[in-house]
Amino acid sequence: MTFTEIQQSILNAKASATELNALEVLTTNEQTVNSANSTSKVAIWRLWVWIFSFAIWVMYQIVNKNALNSRPQNLPNFRQTILNFRDGLNLVWKDGAFNYDLTGVVDAEERLIIDRCAVLESNDGELVVKVATDNAGVLEPITEPQKTRLLDYIRQIKVPGVRIRLINEVADKLKIDLTVYVDPLIIDLNDGKLLNTTDTVYPVQDAINDYLSNLEFNGAFVNDFFRSKIKEAEGINLAVIDSIQWKYASFPFISFNEFKVPESGYFKIEETDLNINYLPYVLVNN
């Protein structure tokens, strides 16, 4: 709130308050000297309004600054702090907190290398931080030197005594076998290509890529939602997941049930790990 807004609010309150009528609050002698109904900016009552407005405005600035400097270290705030990491710049202690001095730094935005981040608290109180960077639309880990610098940044800005586990890994892998029932008039049963267009379109693969790219970082892969996304594609009538497996880092593939949260924060399906069997969707009434 600005000083002018505070002062105007007091003037508005005075104008609308009948109990502040000048003839009721001033003595006979005061009425002849300087009426409270005066519109002069140098009237005594206007000077008091200015003084109180300025005092309120100063207090507001102090409270607001203190609120910013004493920002609670909750999970959303800590996540935003990780996203604000600028690679290659020093932190400085200013106004009661660590900040970047961006004076003269022309590439400040380019130094923001953490494009995805999730912060979770484990059962034993450890903070788990998952990060990834966007490389031309493809999520991937930051480099090892960048990871070292990020860890040093975290050590400086975190609350003392809180243990941090940073996860900076390649995408969790998925291996999926699908049976997709399609309209054989517009879908090639050999490769799933859409036939009613001159463009090269593979509806199932496009639906899978779209589902993964729109998945929230550290969001669960949900089998039902995945099936529904494929079914929405042109020429697709039914999608059946015959098998689905998941792996993290160097661990082997294992099966999971209805959903899976990625350990790295995101998923990827290699072309060799996706097997699609196309069948015609034919309803037979006996």
C-alpha atoms as a PDB file:
ATOM      1  CA  MET A   1       0.000   0.000   0.000  1.00  0.00           C
ATOM      2  CA  THR A   2       1.394   3.433  -0.990  1.00  0.00           C
ATOM      3  CA  PHE A   3       1.604   6.546   1.215  1.00  0.00           C
ATOM      4  CA  THR A   4      -0.999   8.286  -0.956  1.00  0.00           C
ATOM      5  CA  GLU A   5      -3.410   5.357  -0.622  1.00  0.00           C
ATOM      6  CA  ILE A   6      -3.069   5.342   3.185  1.00  0.00           C
ATOM      7  CA  GLN A   7      -3.648   9.098   3.399  1.00  0.00           C
ATOM      8  CA  GLN A   8      -6.662   8.939   1.076  1.00  0.00           C
ATOM      9  CA  SER A   9      -8.222   6.126   3.117  1.00  0.00           C
ATOM     10  CA  ILE A  10      -8.027   8.293   6.248  1.00  0.00           C
ATOM     11  CA  LEU A  11      -9.564  11.262   4.401  1.00  0.00           C
ATOM     12  CA  ASN A  12     -12.362   9.054   3.090  1.00  0.00           C
ATOM     13  CA  ALA A  13     -13.047   7.719   6.594  1.00  0.00           C
ATOM     14  CA  LYS A  14     -13.163  11.256   8.002  1.00  0.00           C
ATOM     15  CA  ALA A  15     -15.556  12.409   5.291  1.00  0.00           C
ATOM     16  CA  SER A  16     -17.966   9.509   5.882  1.00  0.00           C
ATOM     17  CA  ALA A  17     -17.909   9.597   9.714  1.00  0.00           C
ATOM     18  CA  THR A  18     -20.658  11.901  11.025  1.00  0.00           C
ATOM     19  CA  GLU A  19     -19.244  11.626  14.539  1.00  0.00           C
ATOM     20  CA  LEU A  20     -16.197  13.563  13.319  1.00  0.00           C
ATOM     21  CA  ASN A  21     -18.278  16.612  12.385  1.00  0.00           C
ATOM     22  CA  ALA A  22     -16.114  19.699  12.952  1.00  0.00           C
ATOM     23  CA  LEU A  23     -18.681  21.486  15.175  1.00  0.00           C
ATOM     24  CA  GLU A  24     -18.744  18.452  17.517  1.00  0.00           C
ATOM     25  CA  VAL A  25     -15.014  17.959  17.959  1.00  0.00           C
ATOM     26  CA  LEU A  26     -13.841  21.575  18.166  1.00  0.00           C
ATOM     27  CA  THR A  27     -14.405  24.197  20.861  1.00  0.00           C
ATOM     28  CA  THR A  28     -15.931  27.543  19.968  1.00  0.00           C
ATOM     29  CA  ASN A  29     -12.514  29.219  19.917  1.00  0.00           C
ATOM     30  CA  GLU A  30     -11.014  26.429  17.764  1.00  0.00           C
ATOM     31  CA  GLN A  31     -13.826  26.716  15.218  1.00  0.00           C
ATOM     32  CA  THR A  32     -12.952  30.362  14.607  1.00  0.00           C
ATOM     33  CA  VAL A  33      -9.250  29.654  14.382  1.00  0.00           C
ATOM     34  CA  ASN A  34      -9.075  26.661  12.044  1.00  0.00           C
ATOM     35  CA  SER A  35     -12.201  24.693  11.174  1.00  0.00           C
ATOM     36  CA  ALA A  36     -11.824  20.946  10.655  1.00  0.00           C
ATOM     37  CA  ASN A  37     -13.980  21.417   7.597  1.00  0.00           C
ATOM     38  CA  SER A  38     -11.211  23.376   5.946  1.00  0.00           C
ATOM     39  CA  THR A  39      -9.978  21.897   2.702  1.00  0.00           C
ATOM     40  CA  SER A  40      -6.625  23.642   2.993  1.00  0.00           C
ATOM     41  CA  LYS A  41      -3.663  21.289   2.918  1.00  0.00           C
ATOM     42  CA  VAL A  42      -2.053  23.290   5.710  1.00  0.00           C
ATOM     43  CA  ALA A  43      -5.034  22.958   8.021  1.00  0.00           C
ATOM     44  CA  ILE A  44      -3.963  21.508  11.374  1.00  0.00           C
ATOM     45  CA  TRP A  45      -6.095  18.368  10.990  1.00  0.00           C
ATOM     46  CA  ARG A  46      -4.704  17.751   7.497  1.00  0.00           C
ATOM     47  CA  LEU A  47      -1.169  17.962   8.877  1.00  0.00           C
ATOM     48  CA  TRP A  48      -2.041  15.326  11.489  1.00  0.00           C
ATOM     49  CA  VAL A  49      -3.488  13.105   8.743  1.00  0.00           C
ATOM     50  CA  TRP A  50      -0.197  13.448   6.860  1.00  0.00           C
ATOM     51  CA  ILE A  51       1.848  12.587   9.980  1.00  0.00           C
ATOM     52  CA  PHE A  52      -0.222   9.489  10.829  1.00  0.00           C
ATOM     53  CA  SER A  53      -0.250   8.368   7.176  1.00  0.00           C
ATOM     54  CA  PHE A  54       3.529   8.617   6.992  1.00  0.00           C
ATOM     55  CA  ALA A  55       3.950   6.682  10.265  1.00  0.00           C
ATOM     56  CA  ILE A  56       1.649   3.911   9.006  1.00  0.00           C
ATOM     57  CA  TRP A  57       3.485   3.780   5.668  1.00  0.00           C
ATOM     58  CA  VAL A  58       6.900   3.481   7.390  1.00  0.00           C
ATOM     59  CA  MET A  59       5.591   0.685   9.605  1.00  0.00           C
ATOM     60  CA  TYR A  60       4.167  -1.093   6.548  1.00  0.00           C
ATOM     61  CA  GLN A  61       7.566  -0.960   4.816  1.00  0.00           C
ATOM     62  CA  ILE A  62       9.306  -2.411   7.873  1.00  0.00           C
ATOM     63  CA  VAL A  63       6.788  -5.228   8.295  1.00  0.00           C
ATOM     64  CA  ASN A  64       6.860  -6.057   4.596  1.00  0.00           C
ATOM     65  CA  LYS A  65      10.669  -6.194   4.488  1.00  0.00           C
ATOM     66  CA  ASN A  66      10.817  -8.357   7.603  1.00  0.00           C
ATOM     67  CA  ALA A  67       8.252 -10.708   6.096  1.00  0.00           C
ATOM     68  CA  LEU A  68      10.382 -11.126   2.994  1.00  0.00           C
ATOM     69  CA  ASN A  69      13.565 -11.733   4.972  1.00  0.00           C
ATOM     70  CA  SER A  70      11.919 -14.228   7.328  1.00  0.00           C
ATOM     71  CA  ARG A  71      10.360 -16.281   4.569  1.00  0.00           C
ATOM     72  CA  PRO A  72       9.385 -19.674   6.017  1.00  0.00           C
ATOM     73  CA  GLN A  73      11.446 -22.602   4.770  1.00  0.00           C
ATOM     74  CA  ASN A  74       8.498 -24.697   3.623  1.00  0.00           C
ATOM     75  CA  LEU A  75       8.611 -27.099   0.677  1.00  0.00           C
ATOM     76  CA  PRO A  76       7.180 -24.732  -1.994  1.00  0.00           C
ATOM     77  CA  ASN A  77       9.573 -21.946  -0.978  1.00  0.00           C
ATOM     78  CA  PHE A  78      12.546 -24.301  -0.904  1.00  0.00           C
ATOM     79  CA  ARG A  79      11.606 -25.612  -4.359  1.00  0.00           C
ATOM     80  CA  GLN A  80      11.505 -22.051  -5.710  1.00  0.00           C
ATOM     81  CA  THR A  81      14.895 -21.402  -4.126  1.00  0.00           C
ATOM     82  CA  ILE A  82      16.325 -24.382  -6.046  1.00  0.00           C
ATOM     83  CA  LEU A  83      14.782 -23.109  -9.299  1.00  0.00           C
ATOM     84  CA  ASN A  84      16.435 -19.729  -8.624  1.00  0.00           C
ATOM     85  CA  PHE A  85      19.923 -21.292  -8.664  1.00  0.00           C
ATOM     86  CA  ARG A  86      22.147 -19.383 -11.099  1.00  0.00           C
ATOM     87  CA  ASP A  87      25.122 -21.437 -12.174  1.00  0.00           C
ATOM     88  CA  GLY A  88      28.506 -19.755 -11.878  1.00  0.00           C
ATOM     89  CA  LEU A  89      27.499 -16.823  -9.655  1.00  0.00           C
ATOM     90  CA  ASN A  90      28.433 -16.176  -6.029  1.00  0.00           C
ATOM     91  CA  LEU A  91      25.899 -15.700  -3.275  1.00  0.00           C
ATOM     92  CA  VAL A  92      26.174 -12.600  -1.103  1.00  0.00           C
ATOM     93  CA  TRP A  93      24.681 -11.985   2.342  1.00  0.00           C
ATOM     94  CA  LYS A  94      22.350  -9.010   2.006  1.00  0.00           C
ATOM     95  CA  ASP A  95      19.336  -7.809   4.017  1.00  0.00           C
ATOM     96  CA  GLY A  96      19.435 -10.847   6.272  1.00  0.00           C
ATOM     97  CA  ALA A  97      19.509 -13.497   3.533  1.00  0.00           C
ATOM     98  CA  PHE A  98      21.694 -14.994   0.815  1.00  0.00           C
ATOM     99  CA  ASN A  99      21.023 -13.395  -2.573  1.00  0.00           C
ATOM    100  CA  TYR A 100      22.644 -12.927  -5.951  1.00  0.00           C
ATOM    101  CA  ASP A 101      24.133  -9.573  -6.836  1.00  0.00           C
ATOM    102  CA  LEU A 102      23.082  -9.315 -10.480  1.00  0.00           C
ATOM    103  CA  THR A 103      24.593  -5.878 -11.017  1.00  0.00           C
ATOM    104  CA  GLY A 104      26.220  -5.916 -14.430  1.00  0.00           C
ATOM    105  CA  VAL A 105      25.314  -9.581 -15.075  1.00  0.00           C
ATOM    106  CA  VAL A 106      23.913  -9.654 -18.619  1.00  0.00           C
ATOM    107  CA  ASP A 107      23.271 -13.405 -18.808  1.00  0.00           C
ATOM    108  CA  ALA A 108      21.436 -13.855 -15.502  1.00  0.00           C
ATOM    109  CA  GLU A 109      18.473 -15.666 -17.085  1.00  0.00           C
ATOM    110  CA  GLU A 110      20.685 -18.030 -19.073  1.00  0.00           C
ATOM    111  CA  ARG A 111      22.319 -19.134 -15.819  1.00  0.00           C
ATOM    112  CA  LEU A 112      19.006 -20.565 -14.541  1.00  0.00           C
ATOM    113  CA  ILE A 113      19.727 -24.201 -15.380  1.00  0.00           C
ATOM    114  CA  ILE A 114      17.200 -26.001 -13.151  1.00  0.00           C
ATOM    115  CA  ASP A 115      14.039 -26.264 -15.254  1.00  0.00           C
ATOM    116  CA  ARG A 116      12.251 -28.936 -13.214  1.00  0.00           C
ATOM    117  CA  CYS A 117      12.339 -29.500  -9.482  1.00  0.00           C
ATOM    118  CA  ALA A 118      10.414 -31.455  -6.879  1.00  0.00           C
ATOM    119  CA  VAL A 119      11.009 -31.352  -3.126  1.00  0.00           C
ATOM    120  CA  LEU A 120       9.686 -34.068  -0.835  1.00  0.00           C
ATOM    121  CA  GLU A 121      10.174 -34.964   2.806  1.00  0.00           C
ATOM    122  CA  SER A 122      11.029 -38.553   3.662  1.00  0.00           C
ATOM    123  CA  ASN A 123       9.701 -40.377   6.699  1.00  0.00           C
ATOM    124  CA  ASP A 124      12.907 -39.652   8.621  1.00  0.00           C
ATOM    125  CA  GLY A 125      12.793 -35.911   7.889  1.00  0.00           C
ATOM    126  CA  GLU A 126      15.293 -35.900   5.041  1.00  0.00           C
ATOM    127  CA  LEU A 127      14.515 -33.504   2.169  1.00  0.00           C
ATOM    128  CA  VAL A 128      14.643 -35.213  -1.213  1.00  0.00           C
ATOM    129  CA  VAL A 129      15.333 -32.804  -4.067  1.00  0.00           C
ATOM    130  CA  LYS A 130      14.828 -34.021  -7.644  1.00  0.00           C
ATOM    131  CA  VAL A 131      16.081 -31.847 -10.501  1.00  0.00           C
ATOM    132  CA  ALA A 132      16.348 -31.875 -14.283  1.00  0.00           C
ATOM    133  CA  THR A 133      17.249 -29.434 -17.031  1.00  0.00           C
ATOM    134  CA  ASP A 134      15.502 -28.895 -20.365  1.00  0.00           C
ATOM    135  CA  ASN A 135      17.767 -29.455 -23.349  1.00  0.00           C
ATOM    136  CA  ALA A 136      15.818 -28.398 -26.452  1.00  0.00           C
ATOM    137  CA  GLY A 137      12.606 -29.928 -25.119  1.00  0.00           C
ATOM    138  CA  VAL A 138      14.252 -33.055 -23.685  1.00  0.00           C
ATOM    139  CA  LEU A 139      14.639 -33.399 -19.916  1.00  0.00           C
ATOM    140  CA  GLU A 140      18.018 -34.625 -18.728  1.00  0.00           C
ATOM    141  CA  PRO A 141      20.325 -34.401 -15.694  1.00  0.00           C
ATOM    142  CA  ILE A 142      22.568 -31.404 -15.157  1.00  0.00           C
ATOM    143  CA  THR A 143      26.302 -32.092 -15.556  1.00  0.00           C
ATOM    144  CA  GLU A 144      28.412 -33.347 -12.672  1.00  0.00           C
ATOM    145  CA  PRO A 145      30.250 -29.995 -12.261  1.00  0.00           C
ATOM    146  CA  GLN A 146      26.882 -28.222 -12.235  1.00  0.00           C
ATOM    147  CA  LYS A 147      25.616 -30.706  -9.656  1.00  0.00           C
ATOM    148  CA  THR A 148      28.628 -29.973  -7.418  1.00  0.00           C
ATOM    149  CA  ARG A 149      27.933 -26.240  -7.605  1.00  0.00           C
ATOM    150  CA  LEU A 150      24.219 -26.781  -6.934  1.00  0.00           C
ATOM    151  CA  LEU A 151      25.024 -28.828  -3.829  1.00  0.00           C
ATOM    152  CA  ASP A 152      27.248 -26.044  -2.523  1.00  0.00           C
ATOM    153  CA  TYR A 153      24.436 -23.547  -3.184  1.00  0.00           C
ATOM    154  CA  ILE A 154      21.983 -25.761  -1.265  1.00  0.00           C
ATOM    155  CA  ARG A 155      24.353 -26.047   1.699  1.00  0.00           C
ATOM    156  CA  GLN A 156      24.424 -22.268   1.989  1.00  0.00           C
ATOM    157  CA  ILE A 157      20.690 -21.550   1.681  1.00  0.00           C
ATOM    158  CA  LYS A 158      19.236 -24.530   3.562  1.00  0.00           C
ATOM    159  CA  VAL A 159      18.169 -24.531   7.199  1.00  0.00           C
ATOM    160  CA  PRO A 160      21.061 -25.833   9.376  1.00  0.00           C
ATOM    161  CA  GLY A 161      20.669 -29.431  10.473  1.00  0.00           C
ATOM    162  CA  VAL A 162      18.356 -30.431   7.630  1.00  0.00           C
ATOM    163  CA  ARG A 163      19.698 -33.338   5.581  1.00  0.00           C
ATOM    164  CA  ILE A 164      19.383 -33.018   1.798  1.00  0.00           C
ATOM    165  CA  ARG A 165      19.439 -35.838  -0.760  1.00  0.00           C
ATOM    166  CA  LEU A 166      19.819 -34.567  -4.320  1.00  0.00           C
ATOM    167  CA  ILE A 167      18.554 -36.785  -7.149  1.00  0.00           C
ATOM    168  CA  ASN A 168      19.968 -35.813 -10.544  1.00  0.00           C
ATOM    169  CA  GLU A 169      19.509 -38.866 -12.753  1.00  0.00           C
ATOM    170  CA  VAL A 170      18.520 -39.846 -16.266  1.00  0.00           C
ATOM    171  CA  ALA A 171      14.824 -40.496 -16.821  1.00  0.00           C
ATOM    172  CA  ASP A 172      13.188 -43.602 -15.414  1.00  0.00           C
ATOM    173  CA  LYS A 173      12.669 -46.068 -18.277  1.00  0.00           C
ATOM    174  CA  LEU A 174       9.397 -47.745 -19.216  1.00  0.00           C
ATOM    175  CA  LYS A 175       8.934 -50.954 -21.188  1.00  0.00           C
ATOM    176  CA  ILE A 176       5.394 -51.408 -22.530  1.00  0.00           C
ATOM    177  CA  ASP A 177       3.589 -54.047 -24.612  1.00  0.00           C
ATOM    178  CA  LEU A 178       0.292 -52.807 -26.064  1.00  0.00           C
ATOM    179  CA  THR A 179      -2.545 -54.306 -28.043  1.00  0.00           C
ATOM    180  CA  VAL A 180      -4.408 -51.538 -29.820  1.00  0.00           C
ATOM    181  CA  TYR A 181      -7.711 -52.105 -31.602  1.00  0.00           C
ATOM    182  CA  VAL A 182      -8.102 -49.638 -34.457  1.00  0.00           C
ATOM    183  CA  ASP A 183     -10.290 -48.668 -37.376  1.00  0.00           C
ATOM    184  CA  PRO A 184      -8.601 -50.656 -40.168  1.00  0.00           C
ATOM    185  CA  LEU A 185      -9.929 -48.248 -42.804  1.00  0.00           C
ATOM    186  CA  ILE A 186      -7.716 -45.399 -41.625  1.00  0.00           C
ATOM    187  CA  ILE A 187      -4.975 -47.081 -39.573  1.00  0.00           C
ATOM    188  CA  ASP A 188      -2.291 -49.258 -41.151  1.00  0.00           C
ATOM    189  CA  LEU A 189      -2.244 -52.521 -39.177  1.00  0.00           C
ATOM    190  CA  ASN A 190       1.442 -53.027 -39.892  1.00  0.00           C
ATOM    191  CA  ASP A 191       2.873 -49.875 -38.356  1.00  0.00           C
ATOM    192  CA  GLY A 192      -0.087 -47.843 -37.014  1.00  0.00           C
ATOM    193  CA  LYS A 193       0.281 -45.030 -39.538  1.00  0.00           C
ATOM    194  CA  LEU A 194      -2.738 -42.805 -40.164  1.00  0.00           C
ATOM    195  CA  LEU A 195      -3.904 -43.330 -43.772  1.00  0.00           C
ATOM    196  CA  ASN A 196      -6.430 -40.512 -44.301  1.00  0.00           C
ATOM    197  CA  THR A 197      -3.767 -37.776 -44.483  1.00  0.00           C
ATOM    198  CA  THR A 198      -0.758 -36.930 -46.601  1.00  0.00           C
ATOM    199  CA  ASP A 199       1.213 -36.159 -43.447  1.00  0.00           C
ATOM    200  CA  THR A 200       3.208 -38.817 -41.623  1.00  0.00           C
ATOM    201  CA  VAL A 201       1.188 -39.391 -38.449  1.00  0.00           C
ATOM    202  CA  TYR A 202       1.366 -42.266 -35.982  1.00  0.00           C
ATOM    203  CA  PRO A 203      -1.541 -41.633 -33.568  1.00  0.00           C
ATOM    204  CA  VAL A 204      -0.509 -44.104 -30.846  1.00  0.00           C
ATOM    205  CA  GLN A 205       3.119 -42.976 -30.655  1.00  0.00           C
ATOM    206  CA  ASP A 206       2.031 -39.336 -30.728  1.00  0.00           C
ATOM    207  CA  ALA A 207      -0.447 -39.954 -27.897  1.00  0.00           C
ATOM    208  CA  ILE A 208       2.238 -41.678 -25.810  1.00  0.00           C
ATOM    209  CA  ASN A 209       4.720 -38.838 -26.353  1.00  0.00           C
ATOM    210  CA  ASP A 210       2.043 -36.273 -25.553  1.00  0.00           C
ATOM    211  CA  TYR A 211       1.103 -38.068 -22.327  1.00  0.00           C
ATOM    212  CA  LEU A 212       4.702 -38.191 -21.109  1.00  0.00           C
ATOM    213  CA  SER A 213       5.553 -34.617 -22.108  1.00  0.00           C
ATOM    214  CA  ASN A 214       2.529 -33.258 -20.243  1.00  0.00           C
ATOM    215  CA  LEU A 215       3.110 -35.335 -17.138  1.00  0.00           C
ATOM    216  CA  GLU A 216       3.852 -33.145 -14.136  1.00  0.00           C
ATOM    217  CA  PHE A 217       7.436 -33.377 -12.923  1.00  0.00           C
ATOM    218  CA  ASN A 218       7.528 -36.163 -10.329  1.00  0.00           C
ATOM    219  CA  GLY A 219       3.949 -36.955 -11.313  1.00  0.00           C
ATOM    220  CA  ALA A 220       2.729 -40.543 -11.330  1.00  0.00           C
ATOM    221  CA  PHE A 221       2.385 -42.559 -14.508  1.00  0.00           C
ATOM    222  CA  VAL A 222      -1.211 -43.817 -14.212  1.00  0.00           C
ATOM    223  CA  ASN A 223      -2.172 -46.781 -16.368  1.00  0.00           C
ATOM    224  CA  ASP A 224      -5.835 -45.784 -16.745  1.00  0.00           C
ATOM    225  CA  PHE A 225      -4.963 -42.233 -17.783  1.00  0.00           C
ATOM    226  CA  PHE A 226      -2.380 -43.607 -20.214  1.00  0.00           C
ATOM    227  CA  ARG A 227      -4.948 -45.929 -21.824  1.00  0.00           C
ATOM    228  CA  SER A 228      -7.486 -43.118 -22.058  1.00  0.00           C
ATOM    229  CA  LYS A 229      -4.963 -40.849 -23.769  1.00  0.00           C
ATOM    230  CA  ILE A 230      -4.270 -43.471 -26.444  1.00  0.00           C
ATOM    231  CA  LYS A 231      -7.985 -44.124 -26.968  1.00  0.00           C
ATOM    232  CA  GLU A 232      -8.528 -40.402 -27.659  1.00  0.00           C
ATOM    233  CA  ALA A 233      -6.275 -40.612 -30.735  1.00  0.00           C
ATOM    234  CA  GLU A 234      -7.836 -40.705 -34.173  1.00  0.00           C
ATOM    235  CA  GLY A 235      -8.737 -44.169 -35.405  1.00  0.00           C
ATOM    236  CA  ILE A 236      -8.160 -45.833 -32.016  1.00  0.00           C
ATOM    237  CA  ASN A 237     -11.064 -47.730 -30.449  1.00  0.00           C
ATOM    238  CA  LEU A 238      -9.466 -49.638 -27.595  1.00  0.00           C
ATOM    239  CA  ALA A 239      -6.049 -49.879 -25.933  1.00  0.00           C
ATOM    240  CA  VAL A 240      -4.953 -52.803 -23.775  1.00  0.00           C
ATOM    241  CA  ILE A 241      -1.750 -52.797 -21.722  1.00  0.00           C
ATOM    242  CA  ASP A 242      -0.468 -56.353 -21.992  1.00  0.00           C
ATOM    243  CA  SER A 243       2.539 -55.662 -19.795  1.00  0.00           C
ATOM    244  CA  ILE A 244       4.270 -52.635 -18.324  1.00  0.00           C
ATOM    245  CA  GLN A 245       7.620 -52.456 -16.549  1.00  0.00           C
ATOM    246  CA  TRP A 246       9.779 -49.737 -15.046  1.00  0.00           C
ATOM    247  CA  LYS A 247      13.455 -49.267 -14.207  1.00  0.00           C
ATOM    248  CA  TYR A 248      15.501 -46.609 -12.454  1.00  0.00           C
ATOM    249  CA  ALA A 249      19.167 -45.866 -13.084  1.00  0.00           C
ATOM    250  CA  SER A 250      21.097 -49.164 -13.448  1.00  0.00           C
ATOM    251  CA  PHE A 251      18.459 -51.330 -11.751  1.00  0.00           C
ATOM    252  CA  PRO A 252      16.618 -53.997 -13.798  1.00  0.00           C
ATOM    253  CA  PHE A 253      13.100 -53.661 -15.192  1.00  0.00           C
ATOM    254  CA  ILE A 254      10.315 -54.659 -12.796  1.00  0.00           C
ATOM    255  CA  SER A 255       6.535 -54.691 -13.153  1.00  0.00           C
ATOM    256  CA  PHE A 256       4.205 -52.289 -11.357  1.00  0.00           C
ATOM    257  CA  ASN A 257       0.453 -52.147 -10.911  1.00  0.00           C
ATOM    258  CA  GLU A 258      -1.808 -49.156 -11.531  1.00  0.00           C
ATOM    259  CA  PHE A 259       0.637 -46.274 -11.124  1.00  0.00           C
ATOM    260  CA  LYS A 260       4.283 -45.416 -10.612  1.00  0.00           C
ATOM    261  CA  VAL A 261       6.017 -42.260  -9.370  1.00  0.00           C
ATOM    262  CA  PRO A 262       9.411 -41.760 -11.083  1.00  0.00           C
ATOM    263  CA  GLU A 263      12.473 -41.875  -8.860  1.00  0.00           C
ATOM    264  CA  SER A 264      14.257 -39.386 -11.116  1.00  0.00           C
ATOM    265  CA  GLY A 265      11.168 -37.195 -11.462  1.00  0.00           C
ATOM    266  CA  TYR A 266      10.412 -38.046 -15.101  1.00  0.00           C
ATOM    267  CA  PHE A 267       9.915 -40.955 -17.523  1.00  0.00           C
ATOM    268  CA  LYS A 268      11.152 -41.975 -20.958  1.00  0.00           C
ATOM    269  CA  ILE A 269      10.258 -44.793 -23.341  1.00  0.00           C
ATOM    270  CA  GLU A 270      12.935 -45.944 -25.738  1.00  0.00           C
ATOM    271  CA  GLU A 271      11.689 -47.000 -29.174  1.00  0.00           C
ATOM    272  CA  THR A 272      13.042 -50.512 -28.600  1.00  0.00           C
ATOM    273  CA  ASP A 273      11.068 -50.781 -25.338  1.00  0.00           C
ATOM    274  CA  LEU A 274       7.682 -50.052 -26.929  1.00  0.00           C
ATOM    275  CA  ASN A 275       5.903 -52.958 -28.618  1.00  0.00           C
ATOM    276  CA  ILE A 276       2.517 -52.229 -30.242  1.00  0.00           C
ATOM    277  CA  ASN A 277       0.303 -54.912 -31.757  1.00  0.00           C
ATOM    278  CA  TYR A 278      -2.380 -53.408 -34.023  1.00  0.00           C
ATOM    279  CA  LEU A 279      -5.636 -55.333 -34.496  1.00  0.00           C
ATOM    280  CA  PRO A 280      -8.842 -54.380 -36.310  1.00  0.00           C
ATOM    281  CA  TYR A 281     -11.706 -53.361 -34.062  1.00  0.00           C
ATOM    282  CA  VAL A 282     -14.596 -55.537 -35.253  1.00  0.00           C
ATOM    283  CA  LEU A 283     -17.875 -56.006 -33.387  1.00  0.00           C
ATOM    284  CA  VAL A 284     -19.550 -59.348 -34.107  1.00  0.00           C
ATOM    285  CA  ASN A 285     -23.205 -59.963 -33.223  1.00  0.00           C
ATOM    286  CA  ASN A 286     -24.313 -63.608 -33.216  1.00  0.00           C
END
